[in-house]
């Protein structure tokens, strides 16, 4: 086995799995749906941030699924951004607009994002 092929195998093992990319794409889809619902009800203060998070998650999921260079770093940054945005949303819901469906969605997607981050931590590249 040549050193090049060993390096390629090592890189493949450290790359995020397709499962993580698929999870990120599914998370992006749920944010897009939540955004559409909020646009439909005129609640643009939530719809716009959700749409931004959806777009960023979709880009990160795409980077993982297409096996782009630096996909792990992109995925971690994207998932952390989405997690932070979701925590801000939860804080806003908890401090004022206490809508049960929004609360359930944000708690559920936060759990999914934390699981995604944990999966990414397991595939962390060696330095």
N, C-alpha and C. Protein backbone atom coordinates (compact mmCIF):
# COMPACT_ATOMS: atom_id res chain seq x y z
N UNK A 1 0.86 -1.17 0.00
CA UNK A 1 0.00 0.00 0.00
C UNK A 1 0.90 1.24 0.00
N UNK A 2 0.64 2.15 -0.89
CA UNK A 2 1.46 3.36 -0.98
C UNK A 2 1.00 4.37 0.06
N UNK A 3 1.90 5.33 0.31
CA UNK A 3 1.54 6.35 1.31
C UNK A 3 0.36 7.19 0.84
N UNK A 4 0.22 7.37 -0.48
CA UNK A 4 -0.90 8.14 -1.01
C UNK A 4 -2.22 7.42 -0.71
N UNK A 5 -2.26 6.13 -0.95
CA UNK A 5 -3.51 5.42 -0.70
C UNK A 5 -3.82 5.35 0.80
N UNK A 6 -2.78 5.26 1.64
CA UNK A 6 -3.02 5.29 3.08
C UNK A 6 -3.60 6.64 3.50
N UNK A 7 -3.08 7.72 2.92
CA UNK A 7 -3.59 9.06 3.23
C UNK A 7 -5.04 9.19 2.78
N UNK A 8 -5.35 8.64 1.61
CA UNK A 8 -6.73 8.72 1.12
C UNK A 8 -7.68 7.94 2.03
N UNK A 9 -7.26 6.75 2.47
CA UNK A 9 -8.10 5.98 3.38
C UNK A 9 -8.30 6.72 4.69
N UNK A 10 -7.24 7.32 5.20
CA UNK A 10 -7.33 8.07 6.44
C UNK A 10 -8.30 9.24 6.30
N UNK A 11 -8.23 9.95 5.17
CA UNK A 11 -9.12 11.08 4.92
C UNK A 11 -10.57 10.62 4.84
N UNK A 12 -10.80 9.50 4.17
CA UNK A 12 -12.17 8.99 4.05
C UNK A 12 -12.75 8.65 5.41
N UNK A 13 -11.95 8.06 6.28
CA UNK A 13 -12.44 7.70 7.61
C UNK A 13 -12.80 8.94 8.42
N UNK A 14 -12.11 10.05 8.19
CA UNK A 14 -12.32 11.25 8.98
C UNK A 14 -13.40 12.15 8.39
N UNK A 15 -13.81 11.90 7.18
CA UNK A 15 -14.83 12.75 6.55
C UNK A 15 -16.18 12.46 7.20
N UNK A 16 -17.02 13.49 7.29
CA UNK A 16 -18.36 13.25 7.82
C UNK A 16 -19.11 12.25 6.94
N UNK A 17 -19.93 11.43 7.57
CA UNK A 17 -20.66 10.40 6.83
C UNK A 17 -21.79 11.00 6.02
N UNK A 18 -22.26 10.23 5.07
CA UNK A 18 -23.42 10.65 4.27
C UNK A 18 -24.64 10.78 5.17
N UNK A 19 -24.69 10.01 6.24
CA UNK A 19 -25.79 10.10 7.19
C UNK A 19 -25.85 11.49 7.81
N UNK A 20 -24.69 12.05 8.14
CA UNK A 20 -24.65 13.39 8.72
C UNK A 20 -25.09 14.41 7.67
N UNK A 21 -24.62 14.25 6.44
CA UNK A 21 -25.04 15.16 5.36
C UNK A 21 -26.54 15.09 5.12
N UNK A 22 -27.08 13.88 5.17
CA UNK A 22 -28.53 13.71 4.99
C UNK A 22 -29.30 14.34 6.15
N UNK A 23 -28.79 14.18 7.37
CA UNK A 23 -29.44 14.79 8.53
C UNK A 23 -29.44 16.31 8.39
N UNK A 24 -28.32 16.87 7.94
CA UNK A 24 -28.25 18.32 7.77
C UNK A 24 -29.23 18.80 6.69
N UNK A 25 -29.37 18.03 5.62
CA UNK A 25 -30.33 18.39 4.58
C UNK A 25 -31.76 18.32 5.11
N UNK A 26 -32.06 17.31 5.92
CA UNK A 26 -33.40 17.18 6.51
C UNK A 26 -33.66 18.33 7.49
N UNK A 27 -32.65 18.69 8.28
CA UNK A 27 -32.80 19.82 9.20
C UNK A 27 -33.05 21.11 8.42
N UNK A 28 -32.35 21.27 7.30
CA UNK A 28 -32.55 22.45 6.46
C UNK A 28 -33.99 22.48 5.93
N UNK A 29 -34.49 21.33 5.52
CA UNK A 29 -35.87 21.27 5.00
C UNK A 29 -36.88 21.66 6.07
N UNK A 30 -36.66 21.23 7.32
CA UNK A 30 -37.62 21.59 8.36
C UNK A 30 -37.58 23.09 8.66
N UNK A 31 -36.39 23.69 8.60
CA UNK A 31 -36.30 25.15 8.78
C UNK A 31 -37.00 25.87 7.63
N UNK A 32 -36.88 25.36 6.42
CA UNK A 32 -37.55 25.98 5.27
C UNK A 32 -39.06 25.90 5.42
N UNK A 33 -39.55 24.76 5.91
CA UNK A 33 -40.99 24.61 6.13
C UNK A 33 -41.46 25.56 7.23
N UNK A 34 -40.71 25.62 8.33
CA UNK A 34 -41.07 26.54 9.42
C UNK A 34 -41.08 27.98 8.92
N UNK A 35 -40.11 28.32 8.09
CA UNK A 35 -40.04 29.67 7.53
C UNK A 35 -41.26 29.95 6.65
N UNK A 36 -41.63 28.99 5.83
CA UNK A 36 -42.80 29.17 4.95
C UNK A 36 -44.08 29.37 5.78
N UNK A 37 -44.20 28.60 6.84
CA UNK A 37 -45.37 28.74 7.72
C UNK A 37 -45.39 30.14 8.33
N UNK A 38 -44.24 30.58 8.82
CA UNK A 38 -44.18 31.91 9.44
C UNK A 38 -44.39 33.03 8.42
N UNK A 39 -43.89 32.87 7.19
CA UNK A 39 -44.18 33.86 6.15
C UNK A 39 -45.67 33.90 5.86
N UNK A 40 -46.29 32.71 5.83
CA UNK A 40 -47.73 32.62 5.55
C UNK A 40 -48.59 33.26 6.62
N UNK A 41 -48.12 33.26 7.84
CA UNK A 41 -48.89 33.86 8.93
C UNK A 41 -48.48 35.31 9.20
N UNK A 42 -47.51 35.80 8.43
CA UNK A 42 -47.07 37.18 8.59
C UNK A 42 -46.06 37.41 9.70
N UNK A 43 -45.50 36.34 10.22
CA UNK A 43 -44.52 36.46 11.31
C UNK A 43 -43.11 36.43 10.71
N UNK A 44 -42.77 37.51 10.01
CA UNK A 44 -41.49 37.57 9.29
C UNK A 44 -40.30 37.66 10.23
N UNK A 45 -40.52 38.10 11.46
CA UNK A 45 -39.40 38.17 12.41
C UNK A 45 -38.81 36.78 12.69
N UNK A 46 -39.61 35.75 12.53
CA UNK A 46 -39.11 34.38 12.67
C UNK A 46 -38.79 33.78 11.31
N UNK A 47 -39.58 34.13 10.29
CA UNK A 47 -39.43 33.52 8.98
C UNK A 47 -38.07 33.80 8.34
N UNK A 48 -37.59 35.02 8.46
CA UNK A 48 -36.32 35.37 7.83
C UNK A 48 -35.15 34.64 8.46
N UNK A 49 -34.99 34.66 9.79
CA UNK A 49 -33.88 33.90 10.38
C UNK A 49 -33.98 32.40 10.07
N UNK A 50 -35.17 31.85 10.08
CA UNK A 50 -35.33 30.42 9.76
C UNK A 50 -34.92 30.13 8.33
N UNK A 51 -35.22 31.04 7.42
CA UNK A 51 -34.84 30.85 6.03
C UNK A 51 -33.32 30.93 5.87
N UNK A 52 -32.68 31.83 6.59
CA UNK A 52 -31.21 31.94 6.55
C UNK A 52 -30.60 30.64 7.09
N UNK A 53 -31.10 30.16 8.21
CA UNK A 53 -30.59 28.91 8.78
C UNK A 53 -30.80 27.75 7.81
N UNK A 54 -31.95 27.71 7.16
CA UNK A 54 -32.23 26.65 6.18
C UNK A 54 -31.21 26.68 5.05
N UNK A 55 -30.92 27.86 4.53
CA UNK A 55 -29.97 27.99 3.41
C UNK A 55 -28.56 27.58 3.84
N UNK A 56 -28.16 28.00 5.02
CA UNK A 56 -26.82 27.67 5.51
C UNK A 56 -26.70 26.17 5.77
N UNK A 57 -27.71 25.57 6.39
CA UNK A 57 -27.69 24.12 6.62
C UNK A 57 -27.70 23.34 5.31
N UNK A 58 -28.45 23.82 4.33
CA UNK A 58 -28.47 23.15 3.03
C UNK A 58 -27.09 23.18 2.38
N UNK A 59 -26.41 24.32 2.47
CA UNK A 59 -25.07 24.43 1.91
C UNK A 59 -24.10 23.49 2.64
N UNK A 60 -24.20 23.43 3.95
CA UNK A 60 -23.33 22.53 4.72
C UNK A 60 -23.61 21.07 4.41
N UNK A 61 -24.88 20.72 4.33
CA UNK A 61 -25.24 19.35 3.98
C UNK A 61 -24.75 18.98 2.59
N UNK A 62 -24.84 19.92 1.67
CA UNK A 62 -24.35 19.70 0.31
C UNK A 62 -22.83 19.47 0.31
N UNK A 63 -22.11 20.25 1.10
CA UNK A 63 -20.65 20.08 1.19
C UNK A 63 -20.29 18.68 1.68
N UNK A 64 -21.05 18.19 2.66
CA UNK A 64 -20.79 16.85 3.19
C UNK A 64 -21.17 15.78 2.16
N UNK A 65 -22.35 15.91 1.57
CA UNK A 65 -22.84 14.89 0.64
C UNK A 65 -22.01 14.81 -0.64
N UNK A 66 -21.40 15.92 -1.05
CA UNK A 66 -20.58 15.91 -2.26
C UNK A 66 -19.10 15.71 -1.95
N UNK A 67 -18.80 15.46 -0.66
CA UNK A 67 -17.45 15.15 -0.22
C UNK A 67 -16.45 16.26 -0.58
N UNK A 68 -16.87 17.49 -0.36
CA UNK A 68 -15.99 18.63 -0.63
C UNK A 68 -14.81 18.65 0.33
N UNK A 69 -13.74 19.27 -0.14
CA UNK A 69 -12.58 19.48 0.74
C UNK A 69 -13.05 20.35 1.91
N UNK A 70 -12.56 20.07 3.06
CA UNK A 70 -12.90 20.82 4.28
C UNK A 70 -14.37 20.68 4.68
N UNK A 71 -15.02 19.60 4.23
CA UNK A 71 -16.44 19.40 4.55
C UNK A 71 -16.67 19.34 6.05
N UNK A 72 -15.73 18.74 6.79
CA UNK A 72 -15.91 18.62 8.24
C UNK A 72 -15.97 19.99 8.88
N UNK A 73 -15.03 20.87 8.55
CA UNK A 73 -15.02 22.21 9.14
C UNK A 73 -16.25 23.01 8.76
N UNK A 74 -16.65 22.90 7.51
CA UNK A 74 -17.86 23.59 7.06
C UNK A 74 -19.07 23.07 7.82
N UNK A 75 -19.17 21.77 7.95
CA UNK A 75 -20.32 21.16 8.63
C UNK A 75 -20.38 21.57 10.10
N UNK A 76 -19.24 21.60 10.76
CA UNK A 76 -19.21 22.00 12.18
C UNK A 76 -19.64 23.47 12.31
N UNK A 77 -19.10 24.32 11.47
CA UNK A 77 -19.47 25.74 11.53
C UNK A 77 -20.94 25.96 11.27
N UNK A 78 -21.46 25.27 10.27
CA UNK A 78 -22.87 25.40 9.91
C UNK A 78 -23.77 24.88 11.03
N UNK A 79 -23.44 23.71 11.55
CA UNK A 79 -24.26 23.13 12.63
C UNK A 79 -24.21 24.00 13.89
N UNK A 80 -23.04 24.55 14.18
CA UNK A 80 -22.93 25.44 15.34
C UNK A 80 -23.75 26.71 15.14
N UNK A 81 -23.70 27.28 13.94
CA UNK A 81 -24.50 28.46 13.61
C UNK A 81 -25.99 28.17 13.79
N UNK A 82 -26.44 27.04 13.24
CA UNK A 82 -27.85 26.67 13.35
C UNK A 82 -28.25 26.42 14.80
N UNK A 83 -27.36 25.79 15.56
CA UNK A 83 -27.64 25.52 16.97
C UNK A 83 -27.78 26.84 17.74
N UNK A 84 -26.86 27.76 17.51
CA UNK A 84 -26.93 29.06 18.17
C UNK A 84 -28.22 29.79 17.79
N UNK A 85 -28.56 29.81 16.50
CA UNK A 85 -29.79 30.47 16.06
C UNK A 85 -31.03 29.85 16.68
N UNK A 86 -31.02 28.54 16.83
CA UNK A 86 -32.15 27.85 17.44
C UNK A 86 -32.26 28.20 18.93
N UNK A 87 -31.12 28.30 19.60
CA UNK A 87 -31.16 28.69 21.01
C UNK A 87 -31.67 30.11 21.18
N UNK A 88 -31.31 31.00 20.26
CA UNK A 88 -31.86 32.37 20.29
C UNK A 88 -33.37 32.31 20.10
N UNK A 89 -33.83 31.51 19.16
CA UNK A 89 -35.27 31.36 18.94
C UNK A 89 -35.99 30.83 20.16
N UNK A 90 -35.39 29.85 20.81
CA UNK A 90 -35.99 29.31 22.04
C UNK A 90 -36.06 30.37 23.13
N UNK A 91 -35.02 31.17 23.25
CA UNK A 91 -35.01 32.24 24.26
C UNK A 91 -36.12 33.26 23.98
N UNK A 92 -36.31 33.59 22.72
CA UNK A 92 -37.37 34.54 22.35
C UNK A 92 -38.74 33.95 22.66
N UNK A 93 -38.93 32.68 22.33
CA UNK A 93 -40.21 32.03 22.61
C UNK A 93 -40.46 31.99 24.12
N UNK A 94 -39.44 31.62 24.88
CA UNK A 94 -39.59 31.49 26.33
C UNK A 94 -39.84 32.83 27.01
N UNK A 95 -39.30 33.92 26.45
CA UNK A 95 -39.44 35.22 27.11
C UNK A 95 -40.67 36.01 26.67
N UNK A 96 -41.36 35.56 25.67
CA UNK A 96 -42.50 36.35 25.23
C UNK A 96 -43.55 35.53 24.51
N UNK A 97 -43.35 35.36 23.24
CA UNK A 97 -44.32 34.70 22.37
C UNK A 97 -44.29 33.19 22.64
N UNK A 98 -45.02 32.77 23.63
CA UNK A 98 -45.00 31.36 24.05
C UNK A 98 -46.03 30.56 23.27
N UNK A 99 -45.61 30.13 22.09
CA UNK A 99 -46.45 29.35 21.20
C UNK A 99 -45.99 27.89 21.29
N UNK A 100 -46.87 26.99 21.73
CA UNK A 100 -46.49 25.60 21.97
C UNK A 100 -45.91 24.91 20.73
N UNK A 101 -46.52 25.03 19.54
CA UNK A 101 -45.91 24.38 18.37
C UNK A 101 -44.49 24.89 18.08
N UNK A 102 -44.27 26.20 18.22
CA UNK A 102 -42.93 26.75 18.03
C UNK A 102 -41.96 26.21 19.07
N UNK A 103 -42.40 26.14 20.29
CA UNK A 103 -41.55 25.62 21.36
C UNK A 103 -41.17 24.16 21.10
N UNK A 104 -42.13 23.35 20.73
CA UNK A 104 -41.88 21.94 20.44
C UNK A 104 -40.93 21.80 19.25
N UNK A 105 -41.17 22.58 18.19
CA UNK A 105 -40.29 22.50 17.02
C UNK A 105 -38.86 22.87 17.39
N UNK A 106 -38.68 24.01 18.06
CA UNK A 106 -37.34 24.46 18.39
C UNK A 106 -36.61 23.49 19.32
N UNK A 107 -37.33 22.93 20.29
CA UNK A 107 -36.71 21.94 21.19
C UNK A 107 -36.31 20.69 20.41
N UNK A 108 -37.16 20.27 19.49
CA UNK A 108 -36.87 19.07 18.69
C UNK A 108 -35.70 19.29 17.75
N UNK A 109 -35.70 20.41 17.04
CA UNK A 109 -34.62 20.67 16.09
C UNK A 109 -33.31 20.93 16.83
N UNK A 110 -33.39 21.53 18.01
CA UNK A 110 -32.17 21.72 18.81
C UNK A 110 -31.57 20.36 19.17
N UNK A 111 -32.41 19.42 19.55
CA UNK A 111 -31.93 18.06 19.85
C UNK A 111 -31.27 17.44 18.62
N UNK A 112 -31.90 17.58 17.46
CA UNK A 112 -31.34 17.03 16.23
C UNK A 112 -30.00 17.68 15.90
N UNK A 113 -29.90 18.99 16.09
CA UNK A 113 -28.64 19.68 15.80
C UNK A 113 -27.53 19.26 16.75
N UNK A 114 -27.86 19.06 18.02
CA UNK A 114 -26.86 18.61 18.99
C UNK A 114 -26.39 17.20 18.62
N UNK A 115 -27.29 16.35 18.18
CA UNK A 115 -26.92 15.00 17.74
C UNK A 115 -26.01 15.10 16.51
N UNK A 116 -26.32 16.01 15.60
CA UNK A 116 -25.47 16.22 14.42
C UNK A 116 -24.07 16.67 14.84
N UNK A 117 -24.00 17.61 15.76
CA UNK A 117 -22.69 18.07 16.26
C UNK A 117 -21.92 16.93 16.93
N UNK A 118 -22.62 16.09 17.68
CA UNK A 118 -21.97 14.94 18.32
C UNK A 118 -21.43 13.97 17.27
N UNK A 119 -22.20 13.74 16.22
CA UNK A 119 -21.73 12.88 15.13
C UNK A 119 -20.52 13.46 14.44
N UNK A 120 -20.50 14.77 14.29
CA UNK A 120 -19.34 15.42 13.69
C UNK A 120 -18.12 15.33 14.62
N UNK A 121 -18.35 15.42 15.90
CA UNK A 121 -17.23 15.31 16.86
C UNK A 121 -16.59 13.91 16.77
N UNK A 122 -17.41 12.92 16.49
CA UNK A 122 -16.88 11.55 16.36
C UNK A 122 -16.03 11.37 15.11
N UNK A 123 -16.24 12.21 14.09
CA UNK A 123 -15.48 12.10 12.84
C UNK A 123 -14.41 13.19 12.73
N UNK A 124 -14.08 13.79 13.85
CA UNK A 124 -13.12 14.90 13.87
C UNK A 124 -11.78 14.49 13.26
N UNK A 125 -11.27 15.29 12.33
CA UNK A 125 -9.97 14.97 11.73
C UNK A 125 -8.85 15.05 12.76
N UNK A 126 -7.87 14.20 12.56
CA UNK A 126 -6.70 14.24 13.43
C UNK A 126 -5.81 15.39 13.01
N UNK A 127 -5.17 16.03 13.97
CA UNK A 127 -4.29 17.15 13.63
C UNK A 127 -2.84 16.75 13.76
